[in-house]
Amino acid sequence: MILILKAVLGVMTSLFGIYYLRDVFKNRSSFSNKPWPGLLTTGFVTNFFDTLGIGSFAQQTAIFKIFKLVDDRLIPGTMNVGNTLATATQAFIFMTAVKVDPLTLVSMSLAAPIGAVFGAGVVARMPRRGIQLGMGIGLLVVAIMILGGLLDLIPLGGEAIGLEGWKLAIIIVMCLVFGALQTIGVGFYAPCMAMVYSFGMHPATAFPIMMTATAMLMVAGGGRFIREQAYDRKVAISLSVAGVSGVFLAAFVVKSLPLDVMKWLVCVVVIYTSVTMFLSARKK
């Protein structure tokens, strides 16, 4: 079953990559004057930490907002499109490295993109103020989840490598919801970790689940952002090119780091960014 999932993800990612790269190449004359070194560094660093479990969406949203690299309206699409190839790379690595129940992995991985397909169509047409409010709320929720884990308020999981019955049904529905929220820039990692831990699964199983589900939903939702031209092409291609390098370095060279300090820093940055989104929305 996992082999079939890998094959499906491989085909989907290949088709997405062709569609994405053709769009970027065709519209390369419209690239902004934002500096390549800064954009490439952002892609490398954020996907490096993304591979270690610190979601790239929160980091990138903060960087884009603070340094004014991407228009607020285009942030969700830029992150969904630009991080797809790096996230798919993570998925293949962790599906091989970490043992997880096939039915649980496949069910959650398929539910997330269904939510993303419906969510992306809505987000691509939303006004800037709606996106700012949505991202402000979503980032605040992510910050609360990160803070809850740091303060040991969120359960740390058990030993199970899969779910069945009503627990599996509930977590599938939750994946649908969080898949839709991904399209407004709310990363899937923190909610997925919280779900996995809360239902008594081993913490390590969160990695193949969240990365495969995220890759599937980003491939599914990213195509709609491209079709709607709701993303910054130069920033997205920078995230893609440098992001894959960051993934390989984290997965095969570093593998693990003492991340508590970094998680606290990310939590503070996410809260700050959430507040700035709310303040930006008030000015409209």
Protein backbone atom coordinates (compact mmCIF):
# COMPACT_ATOMS: atom_id res chain seq x y z
CA MET A 1 0.00 0.00 0.00
CA ILE A 2 2.84 2.39 0.84
CA LEU A 3 4.57 1.48 -2.42
CA ILE A 4 1.40 2.47 -4.30
CA LEU A 5 1.25 5.74 -2.33
CA LYS A 6 4.86 6.48 -3.30
CA ALA A 7 4.04 5.82 -6.94
CA VAL A 8 0.97 8.07 -6.84
CA LEU A 9 2.90 10.85 -5.13
CA GLY A 10 5.72 10.46 -7.65
CA VAL A 11 3.39 10.79 -10.64
CA MET A 12 1.50 13.73 -9.08
CA THR A 13 4.73 15.54 -8.20
CA SER A 14 6.16 15.03 -11.69
CA LEU A 15 3.04 16.41 -13.38
CA PHE A 16 2.94 19.32 -10.95
CA GLY A 17 6.63 20.05 -11.54
CA ILE A 18 6.18 20.19 -15.32
CA TYR A 19 3.15 22.49 -15.03
CA TYR A 20 4.89 24.70 -12.45
CA LEU A 21 8.23 25.05 -14.25
CA ARG A 22 6.53 25.80 -17.57
CA ASP A 23 4.55 28.60 -15.93
CA VAL A 24 7.66 30.06 -14.28
CA PHE A 25 9.69 29.90 -17.50
CA LYS A 26 6.90 31.45 -19.58
CA ASN A 27 6.53 34.36 -17.14
CA ARG A 28 10.19 34.86 -16.18
CA SER A 29 10.12 38.41 -17.58
CA SER A 30 7.70 39.39 -14.81
CA PHE A 31 10.10 38.49 -11.98
CA SER A 32 10.38 41.10 -9.22
CA ASN A 33 13.65 42.83 -8.26
CA LYS A 34 13.88 41.03 -4.92
CA PRO A 35 17.46 39.78 -4.31
CA TRP A 36 18.17 36.17 -5.28
CA PRO A 37 20.62 35.52 -2.39
CA GLY A 38 18.03 36.43 0.24
CA LEU A 39 15.30 34.38 -1.42
CA LEU A 40 17.53 31.32 -1.88
CA THR A 41 18.79 31.55 1.71
CA THR A 42 15.19 31.71 2.93
CA GLY A 43 14.31 28.57 0.97
CA PHE A 44 17.35 26.67 2.20
CA VAL A 45 17.14 27.58 5.89
CA THR A 46 13.37 27.24 6.30
CA ASN A 47 13.22 23.85 4.58
CA PHE A 48 16.24 22.68 6.56
CA PHE A 49 14.33 23.27 9.79
CA ASP A 50 11.11 22.06 8.18
CA THR A 51 12.73 18.63 7.75
CA LEU A 52 13.58 18.63 11.46
CA GLY A 53 9.94 19.29 12.37
CA ILE A 54 9.75 23.10 12.55
CA GLY A 55 7.22 23.98 9.85
CA SER A 56 8.49 26.22 7.04
CA PHE A 57 5.20 28.10 6.59
CA ALA A 58 5.43 29.94 9.91
CA GLN A 59 9.08 30.83 9.29
CA GLN A 60 8.49 32.00 5.72
CA THR A 61 5.40 34.01 6.57
CA ALA A 62 7.42 35.92 9.16
CA ILE A 63 10.32 36.53 6.75
CA PHE A 64 8.04 37.61 3.90
CA LYS A 65 6.12 39.94 6.19
CA ILE A 66 9.09 41.48 8.02
CA PHE A 67 11.22 42.05 4.89
CA LYS A 68 8.26 42.82 2.59
CA LEU A 69 9.32 40.16 0.07
CA VAL A 70 5.83 39.06 -1.00
CA ASP A 71 2.48 40.82 -1.22
CA ASP A 72 0.24 39.56 1.60
CA ARG A 73 -2.36 38.36 -0.91
CA LEU A 74 0.22 36.13 -2.62
CA ILE A 75 1.86 34.63 0.49
CA PRO A 76 -0.36 31.49 0.74
CA GLY A 77 0.03 30.60 -2.93
CA THR A 78 3.76 31.32 -2.98
CA MET A 79 4.41 29.02 -0.01
CA ASN A 80 2.14 26.23 -1.25
CA VAL A 81 3.67 26.23 -4.73
CA GLY A 82 7.29 26.97 -3.78
CA ASN A 83 7.62 24.34 -1.04
CA THR A 84 5.91 21.47 -2.87
CA LEU A 85 9.04 19.85 -4.37
CA ALA A 86 10.98 20.08 -1.10
CA THR A 87 8.08 18.61 0.88
CA ALA A 88 7.65 15.75 -1.59
CA THR A 89 11.35 14.99 -1.13
CA GLN A 90 10.82 14.85 2.64
CA ALA A 91 7.86 12.52 2.17
CA PHE A 92 9.84 9.96 0.17
CA ILE A 93 12.69 10.03 2.70
CA PHE A 94 10.51 9.56 5.80
CA MET A 95 8.12 7.01 4.28
CA THR A 96 11.21 4.83 3.90
CA ALA A 97 12.90 5.67 7.22
CA VAL A 98 10.00 5.50 9.74
CA LYS A 99 7.57 2.61 10.24
CA VAL A 100 3.89 3.58 10.29
CA ASP A 101 0.62 1.72 9.72
CA PRO A 102 -0.13 1.82 5.96
CA LEU A 103 -3.88 2.37 6.33
CA THR A 104 -3.39 5.32 8.69
CA LEU A 105 -0.71 6.87 6.49
CA VAL A 106 -2.67 6.46 3.25
CA SER A 107 -5.99 7.63 4.74
CA MET A 108 -4.56 10.82 6.23
CA SER A 109 -2.42 11.50 3.17
CA LEU A 110 -5.42 11.31 0.83
CA ALA A 111 -7.79 13.30 3.08
CA ALA A 112 -5.49 16.33 3.27
CA PRO A 113 -5.32 17.04 -0.51
CA ILE A 114 -9.09 16.75 -0.85
CA GLY A 115 -9.41 19.57 1.68
CA ALA A 116 -6.68 21.52 -0.11
CA VAL A 117 -8.37 21.31 -3.52
CA PHE A 118 -11.53 22.91 -2.20
CA GLY A 119 -9.61 25.39 -0.03
CA ALA A 120 -7.23 26.64 -2.74
CA GLY A 121 -10.06 27.68 -5.06
CA VAL A 122 -11.52 29.84 -2.31
CA VAL A 123 -8.25 31.36 -1.09
CA ALA A 124 -7.00 32.28 -4.57
CA ARG A 125 -10.02 34.56 -4.98
CA MET A 126 -10.07 36.01 -1.46
CA PRO A 127 -9.38 39.73 -0.91
CA ARG A 128 -6.15 40.71 0.83
CA ARG A 129 -7.91 41.61 4.10
CA GLY A 130 -9.60 38.20 4.27
CA ILE A 131 -6.27 36.44 3.81
CA GLN A 132 -4.62 38.64 6.44
CA LEU A 133 -7.32 37.84 8.98
CA GLY A 134 -7.27 34.14 8.12
CA MET A 135 -3.51 33.91 8.40
CA GLY A 136 -3.50 35.93 11.61
CA ILE A 137 -5.95 33.52 13.24
CA GLY A 138 -4.24 30.45 11.82
CA LEU A 139 -0.77 31.52 12.92
CA LEU A 140 -2.07 32.25 16.41
CA VAL A 141 -3.49 28.71 16.59
CA VAL A 142 -0.16 27.28 15.44
CA ALA A 143 1.68 29.34 18.08
CA ILE A 144 -0.65 28.04 20.79
CA MET A 145 0.02 24.46 19.66
CA ILE A 146 3.79 25.00 19.67
CA LEU A 147 3.59 26.65 23.10
CA GLY A 148 1.42 23.81 24.41
CA GLY A 149 4.05 21.28 23.37
CA LEU A 150 6.90 23.30 24.87
CA LEU A 151 5.04 23.60 28.19
CA ASP A 152 4.05 19.91 28.16
CA LEU A 153 0.36 20.81 27.92
CA ILE A 154 -0.13 18.71 24.78
CA PRO A 155 0.16 14.93 25.26
CA LEU A 156 3.44 13.50 24.04
CA GLY A 157 1.87 10.47 22.40
CA GLY A 158 2.16 6.75 23.03
CA GLU A 159 3.63 3.76 21.23
CA ALA A 160 1.01 3.07 18.54
CA ILE A 161 2.09 3.25 14.89
CA GLY A 162 -1.47 3.45 13.54
CA LEU A 163 -5.15 4.04 14.29
CA GLU A 164 -8.41 2.20 13.64
CA GLY A 165 -12.15 2.57 14.20
CA TRP A 166 -13.56 5.87 15.44
CA LYS A 167 -10.11 7.36 16.08
CA LEU A 168 -9.13 6.83 12.45
CA ALA A 169 -12.46 8.30 11.26
CA ILE A 170 -12.06 11.42 13.39
CA ILE A 171 -8.46 12.03 12.36
CA ILE A 172 -9.41 11.70 8.67
CA VAL A 173 -12.07 14.41 9.07
CA MET A 174 -9.56 16.60 10.88
CA CYS A 175 -7.08 16.12 8.02
CA LEU A 176 -9.73 17.38 5.59
CA VAL A 177 -10.14 20.54 7.67
CA PHE A 178 -6.42 21.16 8.15
CA GLY A 179 -5.81 20.46 4.46
CA ALA A 180 -8.13 23.36 3.62
CA LEU A 181 -6.44 25.59 6.22
CA GLN A 182 -3.05 24.87 4.63
CA THR A 183 -4.16 26.90 1.61
CA ILE A 184 -4.31 30.11 3.68
CA GLY A 185 -0.79 29.58 4.94
CA VAL A 186 -1.49 27.59 8.11
CA GLY A 187 1.11 24.82 8.00
CA PHE A 188 -0.07 21.22 8.39
CA TYR A 189 2.83 20.13 10.61
CA ALA A 190 1.80 21.57 13.97
CA PRO A 191 -1.86 20.43 13.71
CA CYS A 192 -0.74 16.99 12.50
CA MET A 193 1.70 16.58 15.38
CA ALA A 194 -1.02 17.60 17.82
CA MET A 195 -3.47 15.07 16.33
CA VAL A 196 -0.96 12.22 16.31
CA TYR A 197 0.13 12.87 19.88
CA SER A 198 -3.44 13.29 21.15
CA PHE A 199 -4.53 9.93 19.74
CA GLY A 200 -1.69 8.05 21.41
CA MET A 201 0.61 7.43 18.46
CA HIS A 202 4.38 7.35 18.68
CA PRO A 203 5.81 10.86 18.07
CA ALA A 204 8.11 9.59 15.30
CA THR A 205 5.10 8.52 13.20
CA ALA A 206 4.14 12.18 12.83
CA PHE A 207 7.01 12.74 10.39
CA PRO A 208 6.04 10.41 7.52
CA ILE A 209 2.35 11.21 8.04
CA MET A 210 2.63 14.98 8.10
CA MET A 211 5.19 15.15 5.32
CA THR A 212 3.36 12.78 2.98
CA ALA A 213 -0.02 14.37 3.66
CA THR A 214 1.45 17.84 3.20
CA ALA A 215 3.15 16.85 -0.05
CA MET A 216 -0.09 15.39 -1.39
CA LEU A 217 -2.17 18.43 -0.45
CA MET A 218 0.42 20.89 -1.77
CA VAL A 219 0.57 19.09 -5.13
CA ALA A 220 -3.23 19.12 -5.27
CA GLY A 221 -3.71 22.71 -4.10
CA GLY A 222 -0.60 24.21 -5.70
CA GLY A 223 -1.89 23.65 -9.22
CA ARG A 224 -4.90 25.83 -8.52
CA PHE A 225 -2.74 28.67 -7.23
CA ILE A 226 -0.69 28.47 -10.44
CA ARG A 227 -3.83 28.48 -12.58
CA GLU A 228 -5.17 31.50 -10.69
CA GLN A 229 -1.73 33.22 -10.93
CA ALA A 230 -1.94 33.75 -7.18
CA TYR A 231 1.74 33.32 -6.33
CA ASP A 232 5.08 35.11 -6.71
CA ARG A 233 7.03 33.12 -9.29
CA LYS A 234 10.54 34.35 -8.44
CA VAL A 235 10.11 33.70 -4.72
CA ALA A 236 8.49 30.31 -5.34
CA ILE A 237 11.25 29.02 -7.61
CA SER A 238 13.85 30.20 -5.08
CA LEU A 239 12.11 28.20 -2.34
CA SER A 240 11.99 25.15 -4.62
CA VAL A 241 15.60 25.17 -5.76
CA ALA A 242 17.22 25.92 -2.40
CA GLY A 243 14.61 24.06 -0.35
CA VAL A 244 15.43 20.62 -1.76
CA SER A 245 19.10 21.16 -0.82
CA GLY A 246 18.08 22.09 2.71
CA VAL A 247 16.00 18.92 3.00
CA PHE A 248 18.89 16.64 2.02
CA LEU A 249 21.30 18.35 4.41
CA ALA A 250 18.89 18.01 7.34
CA ALA A 251 17.82 14.44 6.55
CA PHE A 252 21.19 12.87 5.78
CA VAL A 253 23.85 15.06 7.42
CA VAL A 254 22.42 16.71 10.52
CA LYS A 255 19.47 14.32 11.18
CA SER A 256 18.64 15.85 14.57
CA LEU A 257 19.35 18.95 16.62
CA PRO A 258 18.51 20.21 20.13
CA LEU A 259 15.60 22.28 18.87
CA ASP A 260 13.90 23.59 22.03
CA VAL A 261 15.53 27.02 21.78
CA MET A 262 14.69 27.24 18.09
CA LYS A 263 11.08 26.22 18.77
CA TRP A 264 10.76 28.98 21.37
CA LEU A 265 12.15 31.45 18.86
CA VAL A 266 9.76 30.27 16.16
CA CYS A 267 6.85 30.51 18.60
CA VAL A 268 7.70 34.14 19.37
CA VAL A 269 8.13 34.98 15.69
CA VAL A 270 4.82 33.31 14.79
CA ILE A 271 2.96 35.30 17.46
CA TYR A 272 4.60 38.52 16.25
CA THR A 273 3.66 37.77 12.66
CA SER A 274 0.10 36.93 13.65
CA VAL A 275 -0.22 40.28 15.38
CA THR A 276 1.18 42.15 12.36
CA MET A 277 -1.35 40.39 10.13
CA PHE A 278 -4.20 41.55 12.36
CA LEU A 279 -2.82 45.10 12.40
CA SER A 280 -2.46 45.11 8.60
CA ALA A 281 -6.04 43.95 8.23
CA ARG A 282 -7.27 46.79 10.47
CA LYS A 283 -5.74 49.39 8.16
CA LYS A 284 -7.93 48.35 5.22
